[in-house]
Amino acid sequence: MIDFATALDRLGPVQTRPLFVMDVTVDRIHTVGAPGGTDQRVGNIAGGRFAGERLSGTILPGGADWQTVRADGTVLLDARIVLAADDGAVIGMTYEGIRTGPPDVLARLARGEPVDPEAYHFRTTARFTTSAPHYDWLNRVIAIGLGHRLPGGPIYSLHELL
């Protein structure tokens, strides 16, 4: 049997390092529909920008965010986008997330109204793939992030898990 306290002591706390902040522009959302108390929709990613100490650039148009909306208003995200670093490197990024909160807050978000990010829970995880030699380290990164939904699309603060 594993001893919880010993495991915590040996593994230590989770440590992170800032990766970048990302501002995603969503062109429009298509409602696909789904059975049994959920809804499926797809957001077209029109572009955006990301900026951090180790890499910055633009988000290329053509990505998509497949969202499952649960009956309680919780949104599960499953996105695939392409990042173009300022130095020309191309990086694939996939991220999953969850956005949830009180029903009235989620309803305001769904209507495109501004909402304080502390009024709801919006978290994400991300992975990357690239053949650019100077960004090879990204192929081994798992990032976690905090999100905030604005009318034109979300912003994320992403951090590399160390």
N, C-alpha and C. Protein backbone atom coordinates (compact mmCIF):
# COMPACT_ATOMS: atom_id res chain seq x y z
N MET A 1 0.84 -1.18 0.00
CA MET A 1 0.00 0.00 0.00
C MET A 1 0.88 1.25 0.00
N ILE A 2 0.53 2.20 -0.81
CA ILE A 2 1.32 3.43 -0.90
C ILE A 2 0.95 4.37 0.23
N ASP A 3 1.95 4.98 0.79
CA ASP A 3 1.74 5.96 1.86
C ASP A 3 1.62 7.34 1.22
N PHE A 4 0.48 7.96 1.37
CA PHE A 4 0.19 9.24 0.74
C PHE A 4 1.22 10.30 1.13
N ALA A 5 1.51 10.44 2.39
CA ALA A 5 2.45 11.46 2.86
C ALA A 5 3.85 11.23 2.28
N THR A 6 4.29 9.96 2.24
CA THR A 6 5.60 9.65 1.68
C THR A 6 5.65 9.97 0.20
N ALA A 7 4.58 9.63 -0.50
CA ALA A 7 4.53 9.92 -1.94
C ALA A 7 4.60 11.42 -2.19
N LEU A 8 3.87 12.19 -1.42
CA LEU A 8 3.91 13.64 -1.58
C LEU A 8 5.31 14.18 -1.30
N ASP A 9 5.94 13.64 -0.29
CA ASP A 9 7.28 14.10 0.08
C ASP A 9 8.29 13.78 -1.02
N ARG A 10 8.20 12.57 -1.60
CA ARG A 10 9.15 12.15 -2.63
C ARG A 10 8.92 12.87 -3.96
N LEU A 11 7.67 13.05 -4.32
CA LEU A 11 7.36 13.67 -5.61
C LEU A 11 7.41 15.19 -5.56
N GLY A 12 7.15 15.76 -4.40
CA GLY A 12 7.19 17.21 -4.25
C GLY A 12 5.98 17.89 -4.88
N PRO A 13 5.90 19.18 -4.75
CA PRO A 13 4.77 19.93 -5.32
C PRO A 13 4.94 20.10 -6.83
N VAL A 14 3.85 20.37 -7.49
CA VAL A 14 3.88 20.65 -8.92
C VAL A 14 4.59 21.98 -9.14
N GLN A 15 5.52 21.99 -10.09
CA GLN A 15 6.24 23.21 -10.42
C GLN A 15 5.99 23.57 -11.88
N THR A 16 5.89 24.84 -12.15
CA THR A 16 5.64 25.31 -13.51
C THR A 16 6.58 26.46 -13.86
N ARG A 17 6.63 26.75 -15.16
CA ARG A 17 7.37 27.90 -15.68
C ARG A 17 6.48 28.54 -16.74
N PRO A 18 6.33 29.88 -16.73
CA PRO A 18 5.49 30.52 -17.75
C PRO A 18 5.93 30.13 -19.16
N LEU A 19 4.97 29.82 -20.00
CA LEU A 19 5.27 29.46 -21.39
C LEU A 19 4.87 30.62 -22.31
N PHE A 20 3.58 30.93 -22.36
CA PHE A 20 3.13 32.09 -23.12
C PHE A 20 1.68 32.40 -22.79
N VAL A 21 1.27 33.59 -23.19
CA VAL A 21 -0.13 34.01 -23.14
C VAL A 21 -0.63 33.97 -24.56
N MET A 22 -1.85 33.46 -24.74
CA MET A 22 -2.40 33.25 -26.07
C MET A 22 -3.78 33.89 -26.16
N ASP A 23 -3.98 34.67 -27.21
CA ASP A 23 -5.27 35.31 -27.49
C ASP A 23 -5.81 34.70 -28.77
N VAL A 24 -6.91 33.95 -28.66
CA VAL A 24 -7.46 33.18 -29.78
C VAL A 24 -8.68 33.91 -30.35
N THR A 25 -8.70 34.08 -31.67
CA THR A 25 -9.86 34.68 -32.33
C THR A 25 -10.72 33.56 -32.90
N VAL A 26 -11.97 33.51 -32.46
CA VAL A 26 -12.92 32.51 -32.95
C VAL A 26 -13.83 33.21 -33.96
N ASP A 27 -13.84 32.69 -35.20
CA ASP A 27 -14.62 33.29 -36.28
C ASP A 27 -16.12 33.08 -36.06
N ARG A 28 -16.53 31.84 -35.95
CA ARG A 28 -17.93 31.52 -35.68
C ARG A 28 -18.02 30.11 -35.12
N ILE A 29 -19.16 29.83 -34.54
CA ILE A 29 -19.38 28.52 -33.93
C ILE A 29 -20.53 27.83 -34.66
N HIS A 30 -20.28 26.59 -35.06
CA HIS A 30 -21.30 25.77 -35.72
C HIS A 30 -21.87 24.80 -34.70
N THR A 31 -23.18 24.77 -34.57
CA THR A 31 -23.82 23.81 -33.68
C THR A 31 -24.09 22.54 -34.46
N VAL A 32 -23.48 21.45 -34.03
CA VAL A 32 -23.61 20.16 -34.70
C VAL A 32 -24.74 19.34 -34.08
N GLY A 33 -24.90 19.44 -32.76
CA GLY A 33 -25.90 18.66 -32.05
C GLY A 33 -25.34 17.33 -31.60
N ALA A 34 -25.98 16.75 -30.61
CA ALA A 34 -25.55 15.46 -30.08
C ALA A 34 -26.72 14.86 -29.29
N PRO A 35 -26.69 13.57 -29.08
CA PRO A 35 -27.79 12.93 -28.35
C PRO A 35 -27.64 13.05 -26.84
N GLY A 36 -28.73 12.85 -26.16
CA GLY A 36 -28.74 12.60 -24.71
C GLY A 36 -28.17 13.64 -23.78
N GLY A 37 -28.70 14.84 -23.75
CA GLY A 37 -28.33 15.80 -22.73
C GLY A 37 -27.04 16.55 -22.97
N THR A 38 -26.45 16.41 -24.14
CA THR A 38 -25.25 17.18 -24.47
C THR A 38 -25.49 17.87 -25.82
N ASP A 39 -24.62 18.77 -26.14
CA ASP A 39 -24.65 19.41 -27.45
C ASP A 39 -23.22 19.47 -27.95
N GLN A 40 -23.05 19.37 -29.22
CA GLN A 40 -21.72 19.44 -29.83
C GLN A 40 -21.67 20.65 -30.73
N ARG A 41 -20.57 21.43 -30.61
CA ARG A 41 -20.40 22.57 -31.50
C ARG A 41 -18.92 22.68 -31.85
N VAL A 42 -18.67 23.37 -32.97
CA VAL A 42 -17.31 23.51 -33.47
C VAL A 42 -17.03 24.99 -33.71
N GLY A 43 -15.99 25.49 -33.07
CA GLY A 43 -15.58 26.88 -33.26
C GLY A 43 -14.45 26.96 -34.27
N ASN A 44 -14.62 27.79 -35.31
CA ASN A 44 -13.55 28.02 -36.29
C ASN A 44 -12.53 28.99 -35.70
N ILE A 45 -11.28 28.58 -35.69
CA ILE A 45 -10.22 29.45 -35.19
C ILE A 45 -9.73 30.30 -36.37
N ALA A 46 -9.93 31.61 -36.27
CA ALA A 46 -9.58 32.52 -37.36
C ALA A 46 -8.16 33.04 -37.25
N GLY A 47 -7.56 32.93 -36.07
CA GLY A 47 -6.20 33.43 -35.87
C GLY A 47 -5.98 33.81 -34.43
N GLY A 48 -5.02 34.69 -34.22
CA GLY A 48 -4.70 35.14 -32.88
C GLY A 48 -3.22 35.38 -32.73
N ARG A 49 -2.81 35.51 -31.50
CA ARG A 49 -1.41 35.82 -31.19
C ARG A 49 -1.03 35.11 -29.91
N PHE A 50 0.25 34.76 -29.78
CA PHE A 50 0.78 34.23 -28.53
C PHE A 50 2.11 34.91 -28.27
N ALA A 51 2.43 35.11 -26.99
CA ALA A 51 3.67 35.81 -26.65
C ALA A 51 4.20 35.31 -25.32
N GLY A 52 5.50 35.01 -25.30
CA GLY A 52 6.18 34.57 -24.09
C GLY A 52 7.67 34.85 -24.21
N GLU A 53 8.42 34.55 -23.15
CA GLU A 53 9.87 34.81 -23.16
C GLU A 53 10.61 33.92 -24.14
N ARG A 54 10.15 32.66 -24.32
CA ARG A 54 10.89 31.72 -25.16
C ARG A 54 10.33 31.56 -26.56
N LEU A 55 9.09 31.96 -26.78
CA LEU A 55 8.52 31.90 -28.12
C LEU A 55 7.30 32.81 -28.20
N SER A 56 7.13 33.40 -29.37
CA SER A 56 6.01 34.29 -29.66
C SER A 56 5.67 34.15 -31.13
N GLY A 57 4.46 34.55 -31.49
CA GLY A 57 4.07 34.50 -32.89
C GLY A 57 2.58 34.64 -33.07
N THR A 58 2.10 34.09 -34.17
CA THR A 58 0.68 34.18 -34.50
C THR A 58 0.05 32.79 -34.54
N ILE A 59 -1.26 32.79 -34.38
CA ILE A 59 -2.05 31.57 -34.55
C ILE A 59 -2.60 31.62 -35.96
N LEU A 60 -2.32 30.58 -36.73
CA LEU A 60 -2.76 30.55 -38.12
C LEU A 60 -4.25 30.23 -38.21
N PRO A 61 -4.94 30.79 -39.19
CA PRO A 61 -6.35 30.43 -39.38
C PRO A 61 -6.48 28.98 -39.80
N GLY A 62 -7.62 28.39 -39.50
CA GLY A 62 -7.90 27.02 -39.93
C GLY A 62 -8.00 26.01 -38.82
N GLY A 63 -7.66 26.39 -37.61
CA GLY A 63 -7.81 25.46 -36.49
C GLY A 63 -9.27 25.34 -36.09
N ALA A 64 -9.54 24.41 -35.20
CA ALA A 64 -10.91 24.20 -34.75
C ALA A 64 -10.94 23.79 -33.29
N ASP A 65 -11.99 24.20 -32.63
CA ASP A 65 -12.23 23.86 -31.23
C ASP A 65 -13.55 23.10 -31.16
N TRP A 66 -13.47 21.78 -31.00
CA TRP A 66 -14.66 20.94 -30.87
C TRP A 66 -15.09 20.99 -29.41
N GLN A 67 -16.31 21.43 -29.18
CA GLN A 67 -16.80 21.61 -27.83
C GLN A 67 -18.00 20.72 -27.55
N THR A 68 -17.97 20.10 -26.40
CA THR A 68 -19.13 19.36 -25.91
C THR A 68 -19.74 20.20 -24.79
N VAL A 69 -21.03 20.52 -24.93
CA VAL A 69 -21.72 21.30 -23.92
C VAL A 69 -22.65 20.36 -23.16
N ARG A 70 -22.37 20.21 -21.88
CA ARG A 70 -23.19 19.34 -21.04
C ARG A 70 -24.50 20.03 -20.66
N ALA A 71 -25.42 19.24 -20.18
CA ALA A 71 -26.74 19.77 -19.79
C ALA A 71 -26.63 20.86 -18.73
N ASP A 72 -25.60 20.81 -17.88
CA ASP A 72 -25.45 21.82 -16.83
C ASP A 72 -24.73 23.08 -17.33
N GLY A 73 -24.40 23.13 -18.64
CA GLY A 73 -23.73 24.29 -19.21
C GLY A 73 -22.21 24.19 -19.24
N THR A 74 -21.64 23.18 -18.60
CA THR A 74 -20.20 22.97 -18.63
C THR A 74 -19.75 22.70 -20.06
N VAL A 75 -18.66 23.33 -20.46
CA VAL A 75 -18.12 23.15 -21.82
C VAL A 75 -16.80 22.41 -21.72
N LEU A 76 -16.69 21.31 -22.49
CA LEU A 76 -15.44 20.56 -22.62
C LEU A 76 -14.82 20.93 -23.95
N LEU A 77 -13.56 21.34 -23.95
CA LEU A 77 -12.88 21.81 -25.15
C LEU A 77 -11.93 20.76 -25.68
N ASP A 78 -11.82 20.68 -27.00
CA ASP A 78 -10.87 19.79 -27.67
C ASP A 78 -10.42 20.52 -28.93
N ALA A 79 -9.30 21.23 -28.85
CA ALA A 79 -8.87 22.11 -29.94
C ALA A 79 -7.56 21.66 -30.56
N ARG A 80 -7.43 21.96 -31.84
CA ARG A 80 -6.19 21.75 -32.59
C ARG A 80 -5.94 23.02 -33.39
N ILE A 81 -4.76 23.61 -33.15
CA ILE A 81 -4.40 24.84 -33.83
C ILE A 81 -2.96 24.76 -34.32
N VAL A 82 -2.58 25.71 -35.18
CA VAL A 82 -1.21 25.79 -35.67
C VAL A 82 -0.64 27.15 -35.28
N LEU A 83 0.52 27.10 -34.62
CA LEU A 83 1.23 28.31 -34.22
C LEU A 83 2.35 28.58 -35.23
N ALA A 84 2.51 29.83 -35.59
CA ALA A 84 3.63 30.25 -36.44
C ALA A 84 4.49 31.18 -35.61
N ALA A 85 5.66 30.70 -35.20
CA ALA A 85 6.55 31.50 -34.37
C ALA A 85 7.09 32.68 -35.20
N ASP A 86 7.47 33.74 -34.51
CA ASP A 86 7.99 34.93 -35.18
C ASP A 86 9.21 34.62 -36.04
N ASP A 87 9.95 33.56 -35.72
CA ASP A 87 11.14 33.20 -36.50
C ASP A 87 10.83 32.24 -37.65
N GLY A 88 9.53 31.98 -37.90
CA GLY A 88 9.12 31.15 -39.03
C GLY A 88 8.82 29.70 -38.70
N ALA A 89 9.15 29.23 -37.51
CA ALA A 89 8.88 27.84 -37.13
C ALA A 89 7.37 27.60 -37.04
N VAL A 90 6.95 26.42 -37.44
CA VAL A 90 5.54 26.03 -37.37
C VAL A 90 5.39 24.97 -36.28
N ILE A 91 4.39 25.17 -35.41
CA ILE A 91 4.20 24.32 -34.24
C ILE A 91 2.74 23.92 -34.16
N GLY A 92 2.48 22.62 -34.08
CA GLY A 92 1.13 22.14 -33.86
C GLY A 92 0.84 22.16 -32.37
N MET A 93 -0.37 22.53 -32.02
CA MET A 93 -0.78 22.58 -30.61
C MET A 93 -2.16 21.95 -30.48
N THR A 94 -2.28 21.04 -29.53
CA THR A 94 -3.59 20.50 -29.17
C THR A 94 -3.84 20.86 -27.72
N TYR A 95 -5.08 21.21 -27.43
CA TYR A 95 -5.40 21.48 -26.03
C TYR A 95 -6.83 21.04 -25.71
N GLU A 96 -6.97 20.59 -24.49
CA GLU A 96 -8.27 20.21 -23.95
C GLU A 96 -8.52 21.05 -22.73
N GLY A 97 -9.78 21.25 -22.43
CA GLY A 97 -10.07 22.06 -21.26
C GLY A 97 -11.48 21.88 -20.78
N ILE A 98 -11.77 22.60 -19.71
CA ILE A 98 -13.09 22.60 -19.11
C ILE A 98 -13.43 24.02 -18.67
N ARG A 99 -14.64 24.44 -19.00
CA ARG A 99 -15.15 25.74 -18.55
C ARG A 99 -16.48 25.47 -17.86
N THR A 100 -16.55 25.81 -16.57
CA THR A 100 -17.75 25.54 -15.81
C THR A 100 -17.94 26.62 -14.75
N GLY A 101 -19.12 26.66 -14.20
CA GLY A 101 -19.41 27.64 -13.17
C GLY A 101 -20.89 27.66 -12.86
N PRO A 102 -21.32 28.64 -12.09
CA PRO A 102 -22.75 28.76 -11.76
C PRO A 102 -23.58 28.96 -13.04
N PRO A 103 -24.79 28.43 -13.08
CA PRO A 103 -25.62 28.52 -14.29
C PRO A 103 -25.81 29.95 -14.82
N ASP A 104 -26.00 30.91 -13.94
CA ASP A 104 -26.22 32.28 -14.42
C ASP A 104 -24.96 32.85 -15.07
N VAL A 105 -23.80 32.50 -14.55
CA VAL A 105 -22.53 32.96 -15.12
C VAL A 105 -22.31 32.32 -16.49
N LEU A 106 -22.54 31.01 -16.59
CA LEU A 106 -22.38 30.31 -17.87
C LEU A 106 -23.35 30.86 -18.92
N ALA A 107 -24.56 31.21 -18.50
CA ALA A 107 -25.53 31.79 -19.42
C ALA A 107 -25.05 33.14 -19.94
N ARG A 108 -24.45 33.95 -19.07
CA ARG A 108 -23.90 35.24 -19.49
C ARG A 108 -22.75 35.05 -20.48
N LEU A 109 -21.89 34.07 -20.21
CA LEU A 109 -20.80 33.77 -21.14
C LEU A 109 -21.35 33.34 -22.50
N ALA A 110 -22.38 32.49 -22.48
CA ALA A 110 -22.98 31.99 -23.72
C ALA A 110 -23.59 33.12 -24.54
N ARG A 111 -24.06 34.16 -23.88
CA ARG A 111 -24.63 35.31 -24.59
C ARG A 111 -23.56 36.30 -25.05
N GLY A 112 -22.29 36.03 -24.71
CA GLY A 112 -21.20 36.90 -25.12
C GLY A 112 -21.01 38.10 -24.22
N GLU A 113 -21.58 38.06 -23.02
CA GLU A 113 -21.44 39.17 -22.08
C GLU A 113 -20.10 39.08 -21.36
N PRO A 114 -19.53 40.23 -20.97
CA PRO A 114 -18.29 40.18 -20.20
C PRO A 114 -18.54 39.62 -18.80
N VAL A 115 -17.64 38.74 -18.37
CA VAL A 115 -17.76 38.09 -17.06
C VAL A 115 -16.38 38.09 -16.41
N ASP A 116 -16.33 38.39 -15.14
CA ASP A 116 -15.08 38.36 -14.36
C ASP A 116 -14.54 36.92 -14.39
N PRO A 117 -13.26 36.72 -14.76
CA PRO A 117 -12.73 35.35 -14.82
C PRO A 117 -12.74 34.63 -13.47
N GLU A 118 -12.81 35.35 -12.38
CA GLU A 118 -12.88 34.71 -11.07
C GLU A 118 -14.28 34.16 -10.76
N ALA A 119 -15.26 34.47 -11.63
CA ALA A 119 -16.63 34.02 -11.40
C ALA A 119 -16.89 32.61 -11.94
N TYR A 120 -15.91 32.04 -12.66
CA TYR A 120 -16.08 30.70 -13.22
C TYR A 120 -14.73 30.00 -13.29
N HIS A 121 -14.76 28.71 -13.60
CA HIS A 121 -13.57 27.85 -13.64
C HIS A 121 -13.27 27.53 -15.09
N PHE A 122 -12.08 27.90 -15.58
CA PHE A 122 -11.69 27.65 -16.97
C PHE A 122 -10.23 27.22 -16.96
N ARG A 123 -10.00 25.91 -17.18
CA ARG A 123 -8.66 25.33 -17.12
C ARG A 123 -8.39 24.53 -18.39
N THR A 124 -7.11 24.41 -18.73
CA THR A 124 -6.75 23.71 -19.96
C THR A 124 -5.41 22.99 -19.80
N THR A 125 -5.19 21.97 -20.62
CA THR A 125 -3.91 21.30 -20.76
C THR A 125 -3.53 21.32 -22.23
N ALA A 126 -2.24 21.39 -22.53
CA ALA A 126 -1.80 21.48 -23.92
C ALA A 126 -0.56 20.64 -24.18
N ARG A 127 -0.44 20.19 -25.44
CA ARG A 127 0.74 19.49 -25.93
C ARG A 127 1.12 20.09 -27.28
N PHE A 128 2.37 19.85 -27.69
CA PHE A 128 2.89 20.48 -28.89
C PHE A 128 3.64 19.47 -29.75
N THR A 129 3.75 19.79 -31.05
CA THR A 129 4.56 18.99 -31.95
C THR A 129 5.17 19.91 -33.00
N THR A 130 6.46 19.70 -33.27
CA THR A 130 7.16 20.50 -34.27
C THR A 130 8.41 19.77 -34.74
N SER A 131 8.84 20.10 -35.96
CA SER A 131 10.10 19.57 -36.46
C SER A 131 11.19 20.65 -36.42
N ALA A 132 10.87 21.84 -35.94
CA ALA A 132 11.86 22.91 -35.84
C ALA A 132 12.88 22.56 -34.76
N PRO A 133 14.16 22.42 -35.13
CA PRO A 133 15.18 21.97 -34.16
C PRO A 133 15.27 22.82 -32.90
N HIS A 134 15.16 24.14 -33.03
CA HIS A 134 15.31 25.00 -31.85
C HIS A 134 14.08 25.00 -30.95
N TYR A 135 12.98 24.36 -31.39
CA TYR A 135 11.80 24.21 -30.54
C TYR A 135 11.53 22.74 -30.22
N ASP A 136 12.52 21.89 -30.46
CA ASP A 136 12.36 20.46 -30.18
C ASP A 136 11.92 20.20 -28.74
N TRP A 137 12.35 21.03 -27.82
CA TRP A 137 11.97 20.89 -26.41
C TRP A 137 10.45 20.91 -26.23
N LEU A 138 9.72 21.59 -27.12
CA LEU A 138 8.26 21.63 -27.02
C LEU A 138 7.62 20.26 -27.22
N ASN A 139 8.28 19.37 -27.96
CA ASN A 139 7.74 18.03 -28.20
C ASN A 139 7.63 17.21 -26.91
N ARG A 140 8.28 17.67 -25.85
CA ARG A 140 8.27 16.95 -24.57
C ARG A 140 7.58 17.76 -23.46
N VAL A 141 6.83 18.77 -23.84
CA VAL A 141 6.17 19.64 -22.86
C VAL A 141 4.70 19.29 -22.72
N ILE A 142 4.26 19.27 -21.48
CA ILE A 142 2.83 19.33 -21.16
C ILE A 142 2.63 20.65 -20.46
N ALA A 143 1.67 21.41 -20.94
CA ALA A 143 1.40 22.72 -20.35
C ALA A 143 0.02 22.72 -19.72
N ILE A 144 -0.13 23.53 -18.70
CA ILE A 144 -1.43 23.75 -18.07
C ILE A 144 -1.73 25.23 -18.15
N GLY A 145 -3.01 25.56 -18.14
CA GLY A 145 -3.33 26.96 -18.28
C GLY A 145 -4.63 27.37 -17.65
N LEU A 146 -4.74 28.68 -17.50
CA LEU A 146 -5.95 29.33 -17.04
C LEU A 146 -6.55 30.04 -18.23
N GLY A 147 -7.86 30.01 -18.35
CA GLY A 147 -8.52 30.66 -19.48
C GLY A 147 -9.51 31.71 -19.03
N HIS A 148 -9.84 32.58 -19.96
CA HIS A 148 -10.86 33.60 -19.76
C HIS A 148 -11.56 33.79 -21.09
N ARG A 149 -12.88 33.64 -21.09
CA ARG A 149 -13.66 33.74 -22.33
C ARG A 149 -14.11 35.18 -22.54
N LEU A 150 -13.68 35.76 -23.65
CA LEU A 150 -14.10 37.09 -24.06
C LEU A 150 -15.04 36.94 -25.26
N PRO A 151 -15.80 37.97 -25.61
CA PRO A 151 -16.74 37.84 -26.74
C PRO A 151 -16.11 37.38 -28.05
N GLY A 152 -14.87 37.80 -28.35
CA GLY A 152 -14.23 37.42 -29.62
C GLY A 152 -13.47 36.11 -29.57
N GLY A 153 -13.33 35.53 -28.39
CA GLY A 153 -12.58 34.29 -28.23
C GLY A 153 -11.87 34.28 -26.90
N PRO A 154 -11.26 33.15 -26.54
CA PRO A 154 -10.61 33.03 -25.24
C PRO A 154 -9.18 33.57 -25.22
N ILE A 155 -8.72 33.89 -24.02
CA ILE A 155 -7.31 34.14 -23.78
C ILE A 155 -6.86 33.08 -22.77
N TYR A 156 -5.61 32.66 -22.90
CA TYR A 156 -5.06 31.64 -22.02
C TYR A 156 -3.70 32.10 -21.50
N SER A 157 -3.41 31.76 -20.29
CA SER A 157 -2.08 31.89 -19.72
C SER A 157 -1.56 30.48 -19.52
N LEU A 158 -0.58 30.08 -20.34
CA LEU A 158 -0.08 28.71 -20.32
C LEU A 158 1.26 28.62 -19.61
N HIS A 159 1.43 27.51 -18.87
CA HIS A 159 2.63 27.28 -18.08
C HIS A 159 3.13 25.86 -18.33
N GLU A 160 4.42 25.74 -18.57
CA GLU A 160 5.05 24.44 -18.75
C GLU A 160 5.13 23.73 -17.41
N LEU A 161 4.67 22.46 -17.37
CA LEU A 161 4.87 21.64 -16.17
C LEU A 161 6.31 21.18 -16.16
N LEU A 162 6.99 21.40 -15.06
CA LEU A 162 8.40 21.00 -14.95
C LEU A 162 8.52 19.61 -14.36
